[in-house]
Amino acid sequence: MKEKKQLLKEIEQAPDYLIKEVLNFLLLTKNKSKKQDNQASLEKQLQAMAEDPEIQIEITNINQEFLITEMDGLN
């Protein structure tokens, strides 16, 4: 919390143009962090799906269907 108080104190003393730049930087950084969190969440979900036995069975079935198509020469 010490950093937050210091930041607020500095903002109170900063000129308007600098506040605008700091705000833009903060919003950009928050957005980047959110995207990284979303990417990590997506990767976690994909990993869970890859480990799901029902999904593995479905993938096997799909692969078998494509194998039949490839053998028919329709690839």
N, C-alpha and C. Protein backbone atom coordinates (compact mmCIF):
# COMPACT_ATOMS: atom_id res chain seq x y z
N MET A 1 0.82 -1.20 0.00
CA MET A 1 0.00 0.00 0.00
C MET A 1 0.87 1.26 0.00
N LYS A 2 2.09 1.13 0.43
CA LYS A 2 2.99 2.26 0.47
C LYS A 2 3.18 2.85 -0.94
N GLU A 3 3.34 1.98 -1.93
CA GLU A 3 3.55 2.44 -3.29
C GLU A 3 2.33 3.18 -3.82
N LYS A 4 1.15 2.70 -3.47
CA LYS A 4 -0.08 3.34 -3.93
C LYS A 4 -0.19 4.76 -3.37
N LYS A 5 0.11 4.92 -2.08
CA LYS A 5 0.07 6.25 -1.47
C LYS A 5 1.10 7.17 -2.12
N GLN A 6 2.29 6.64 -2.38
CA GLN A 6 3.33 7.44 -3.00
C GLN A 6 2.91 7.85 -4.41
N LEU A 7 2.32 6.92 -5.15
CA LEU A 7 1.86 7.22 -6.50
C LEU A 7 0.80 8.32 -6.49
N LEU A 8 -0.15 8.20 -5.58
CA LEU A 8 -1.19 9.23 -5.48
C LEU A 8 -0.60 10.59 -5.13
N LYS A 9 0.38 10.60 -4.25
CA LYS A 9 1.04 11.85 -3.87
C LYS A 9 1.74 12.46 -5.08
N GLU A 10 2.44 11.62 -5.83
CA GLU A 10 3.15 12.11 -7.02
C GLU A 10 2.17 12.63 -8.07
N ILE A 11 1.06 11.94 -8.23
CA ILE A 11 0.05 12.37 -9.20
C ILE A 11 -0.51 13.74 -8.82
N GLU A 12 -0.75 13.95 -7.54
CA GLU A 12 -1.27 15.24 -7.09
C GLU A 12 -0.32 16.38 -7.43
N GLN A 13 0.97 16.09 -7.48
CA GLN A 13 1.97 17.13 -7.71
C GLN A 13 2.39 17.24 -9.18
N ALA A 14 1.94 16.31 -10.01
CA ALA A 14 2.40 16.26 -11.40
C ALA A 14 1.59 17.21 -12.29
N PRO A 15 2.23 17.73 -13.33
CA PRO A 15 1.50 18.56 -14.30
C PRO A 15 0.52 17.69 -15.12
N ASP A 16 -0.49 18.34 -15.67
CA ASP A 16 -1.56 17.62 -16.39
C ASP A 16 -1.03 16.76 -17.54
N TYR A 17 -0.08 17.29 -18.32
CA TYR A 17 0.42 16.52 -19.46
C TYR A 17 1.07 15.21 -19.00
N LEU A 18 1.73 15.25 -17.85
CA LEU A 18 2.38 14.05 -17.34
C LEU A 18 1.35 13.06 -16.80
N ILE A 19 0.31 13.57 -16.19
CA ILE A 19 -0.76 12.70 -15.69
C ILE A 19 -1.39 11.94 -16.85
N LYS A 20 -1.60 12.64 -17.97
CA LYS A 20 -2.18 11.99 -19.14
C LYS A 20 -1.27 10.86 -19.64
N GLU A 21 0.02 11.11 -19.68
CA GLU A 21 0.96 10.07 -20.12
C GLU A 21 0.99 8.89 -19.16
N VAL A 22 0.98 9.18 -17.87
CA VAL A 22 0.98 8.11 -16.87
C VAL A 22 -0.31 7.30 -16.97
N LEU A 23 -1.42 7.97 -17.16
CA LEU A 23 -2.70 7.28 -17.31
C LEU A 23 -2.68 6.36 -18.53
N ASN A 24 -2.21 6.87 -19.65
CA ASN A 24 -2.12 6.05 -20.86
C ASN A 24 -1.23 4.83 -20.64
N PHE A 25 -0.11 5.04 -19.97
CA PHE A 25 0.80 3.93 -19.68
C PHE A 25 0.13 2.90 -18.78
N LEU A 26 -0.56 3.38 -17.75
CA LEU A 26 -1.24 2.47 -16.82
C LEU A 26 -2.31 1.65 -17.54
N LEU A 27 -3.11 2.30 -18.37
CA LEU A 27 -4.17 1.60 -19.09
C LEU A 27 -3.58 0.58 -20.07
N LEU A 28 -2.51 0.96 -20.74
CA LEU A 28 -1.84 0.05 -21.67
C LEU A 28 -1.29 -1.17 -20.93
N THR A 29 -0.67 -0.93 -19.79
CA THR A 29 -0.10 -2.01 -18.99
C THR A 29 -1.19 -2.93 -18.45
N LYS A 30 -2.28 -2.36 -17.99
CA LYS A 30 -3.40 -3.18 -17.50
C LYS A 30 -3.98 -4.04 -18.62
N ASN A 31 -4.12 -3.46 -19.79
CA ASN A 31 -4.66 -4.18 -20.94
C ASN A 31 -3.74 -5.34 -21.33
N LYS A 32 -2.44 -5.08 -21.33
CA LYS A 32 -1.47 -6.12 -21.66
C LYS A 32 -1.53 -7.25 -20.63
N SER A 33 -1.64 -6.89 -19.37
CA SER A 33 -1.72 -7.89 -18.30
C SER A 33 -2.99 -8.73 -18.45
N LYS A 34 -4.09 -8.08 -18.79
CA LYS A 34 -5.35 -8.79 -18.97
C LYS A 34 -5.25 -9.78 -20.13
N LYS A 35 -4.61 -9.36 -21.22
CA LYS A 35 -4.42 -10.25 -22.37
C LYS A 35 -3.57 -11.46 -21.98
N GLN A 36 -2.53 -11.22 -21.19
CA GLN A 36 -1.67 -12.32 -20.75
C GLN A 36 -2.45 -13.28 -19.86
N ASP A 37 -3.29 -12.73 -18.97
CA ASP A 37 -4.13 -13.57 -18.11
C ASP A 37 -5.10 -14.40 -18.94
N ASN A 38 -5.70 -13.76 -19.95
CA ASN A 38 -6.63 -14.47 -20.83
C ASN A 38 -5.92 -15.58 -21.60
N GLN A 39 -4.70 -15.31 -22.07
CA GLN A 39 -3.93 -16.31 -22.80
C GLN A 39 -3.60 -17.48 -21.90
N ALA A 40 -3.20 -17.19 -20.66
CA ALA A 40 -2.88 -18.26 -19.71
C ALA A 40 -4.12 -19.09 -19.40
N SER A 41 -5.26 -18.43 -19.28
CA SER A 41 -6.52 -19.13 -19.02
C SER A 41 -6.89 -20.02 -20.20
N LEU A 42 -6.72 -19.51 -21.41
CA LEU A 42 -7.02 -20.29 -22.60
C LEU A 42 -6.12 -21.52 -22.69
N GLU A 43 -4.83 -21.33 -22.43
CA GLU A 43 -3.90 -22.45 -22.47
C GLU A 43 -4.26 -23.50 -21.42
N LYS A 44 -4.69 -23.04 -20.25
CA LYS A 44 -5.11 -23.96 -19.19
C LYS A 44 -6.34 -24.76 -19.62
N GLN A 45 -7.29 -24.07 -20.25
CA GLN A 45 -8.50 -24.74 -20.73
C GLN A 45 -8.17 -25.75 -21.83
N LEU A 46 -7.28 -25.37 -22.74
CA LEU A 46 -6.89 -26.29 -23.81
C LEU A 46 -6.19 -27.52 -23.25
N GLN A 47 -5.35 -27.31 -22.24
CA GLN A 47 -4.66 -28.44 -21.60
C GLN A 47 -5.68 -29.37 -20.94
N ALA A 48 -6.67 -28.80 -20.27
CA ALA A 48 -7.70 -29.62 -19.63
C ALA A 48 -8.49 -30.40 -20.68
N MET A 49 -8.78 -29.75 -21.81
CA MET A 49 -9.49 -30.45 -22.88
C MET A 49 -8.65 -31.58 -23.45
N ALA A 50 -7.36 -31.33 -23.62
CA ALA A 50 -6.47 -32.35 -24.17
C ALA A 50 -6.38 -33.57 -23.26
N GLU A 51 -6.56 -33.35 -21.98
CA GLU A 51 -6.47 -34.45 -21.01
C GLU A 51 -7.82 -35.12 -20.75
N ASP A 52 -8.89 -34.57 -21.30
CA ASP A 52 -10.24 -35.10 -21.08
C ASP A 52 -10.43 -36.38 -21.91
N PRO A 53 -10.73 -37.51 -21.26
CA PRO A 53 -10.89 -38.78 -21.98
C PRO A 53 -11.99 -38.73 -23.05
N GLU A 54 -13.08 -38.04 -22.79
CA GLU A 54 -14.16 -37.95 -23.78
C GLU A 54 -13.71 -37.20 -25.03
N ILE A 55 -12.95 -36.16 -24.84
CA ILE A 55 -12.45 -35.40 -25.98
C ILE A 55 -11.41 -36.23 -26.74
N GLN A 56 -10.59 -36.96 -26.02
CA GLN A 56 -9.61 -37.83 -26.69
C GLN A 56 -10.31 -38.87 -27.56
N ILE A 57 -11.41 -39.43 -27.06
CA ILE A 57 -12.19 -40.40 -27.84
C ILE A 57 -12.75 -39.73 -29.09
N GLU A 58 -13.29 -38.53 -28.94
CA GLU A 58 -13.86 -37.81 -30.08
C GLU A 58 -12.78 -37.50 -31.12
N ILE A 59 -11.61 -37.10 -30.68
CA ILE A 59 -10.51 -36.82 -31.60
C ILE A 59 -10.10 -38.10 -32.33
N THR A 60 -10.06 -39.20 -31.62
CA THR A 60 -9.73 -40.49 -32.25
C THR A 60 -10.77 -40.82 -33.32
N ASN A 61 -12.04 -40.63 -33.01
CA ASN A 61 -13.11 -40.89 -33.99
C ASN A 61 -12.97 -40.00 -35.22
N ILE A 62 -12.69 -38.74 -35.01
CA ILE A 62 -12.51 -37.81 -36.14
C ILE A 62 -11.32 -38.24 -36.98
N ASN A 63 -10.22 -38.59 -36.33
CA ASN A 63 -9.04 -39.04 -37.07
C ASN A 63 -9.33 -40.28 -37.89
N GLN A 64 -10.14 -41.20 -37.36
CA GLN A 64 -10.50 -42.41 -38.10
C GLN A 64 -11.35 -42.06 -39.32
N GLU A 65 -12.25 -41.09 -39.17
CA GLU A 65 -13.06 -40.66 -40.31
C GLU A 65 -12.18 -40.05 -41.40
N PHE A 66 -11.20 -39.26 -41.02
CA PHE A 66 -10.31 -38.67 -42.01
C PHE A 66 -9.43 -39.73 -42.65
N LEU A 67 -9.05 -40.73 -41.90
CA LEU A 67 -8.24 -41.81 -42.44
C LEU A 67 -9.00 -42.53 -43.56
N ILE A 68 -10.28 -42.77 -43.34
CA ILE A 68 -11.12 -43.42 -44.36
C ILE A 68 -11.19 -42.53 -45.60
N THR A 69 -11.37 -41.24 -45.41
CA THR A 69 -11.42 -40.31 -46.54
C THR A 69 -10.11 -40.30 -47.30
N GLU A 70 -9.00 -40.31 -46.59
CA GLU A 70 -7.69 -40.32 -47.24
C GLU A 70 -7.51 -41.60 -48.04
N MET A 71 -7.99 -42.71 -47.50
CA MET A 71 -7.85 -43.99 -48.20
C MET A 71 -8.71 -44.01 -49.46
N ASP A 72 -9.81 -43.26 -49.47
CA ASP A 72 -10.67 -43.17 -50.65
C ASP A 72 -10.07 -42.25 -51.71
N GLY A 73 -9.01 -41.58 -51.37
CA GLY A 73 -8.36 -40.67 -52.32
C GLY A 73 -9.06 -39.33 -52.43
N LEU A 74 -9.82 -38.97 -51.43
CA LEU A 74 -10.54 -37.71 -51.46
C LEU A 74 -9.86 -36.63 -50.63
N ASN A 75 -8.61 -36.78 -50.38
CA ASN A 75 -7.92 -35.80 -49.54
C ASN A 75 -7.58 -34.63 -50.32
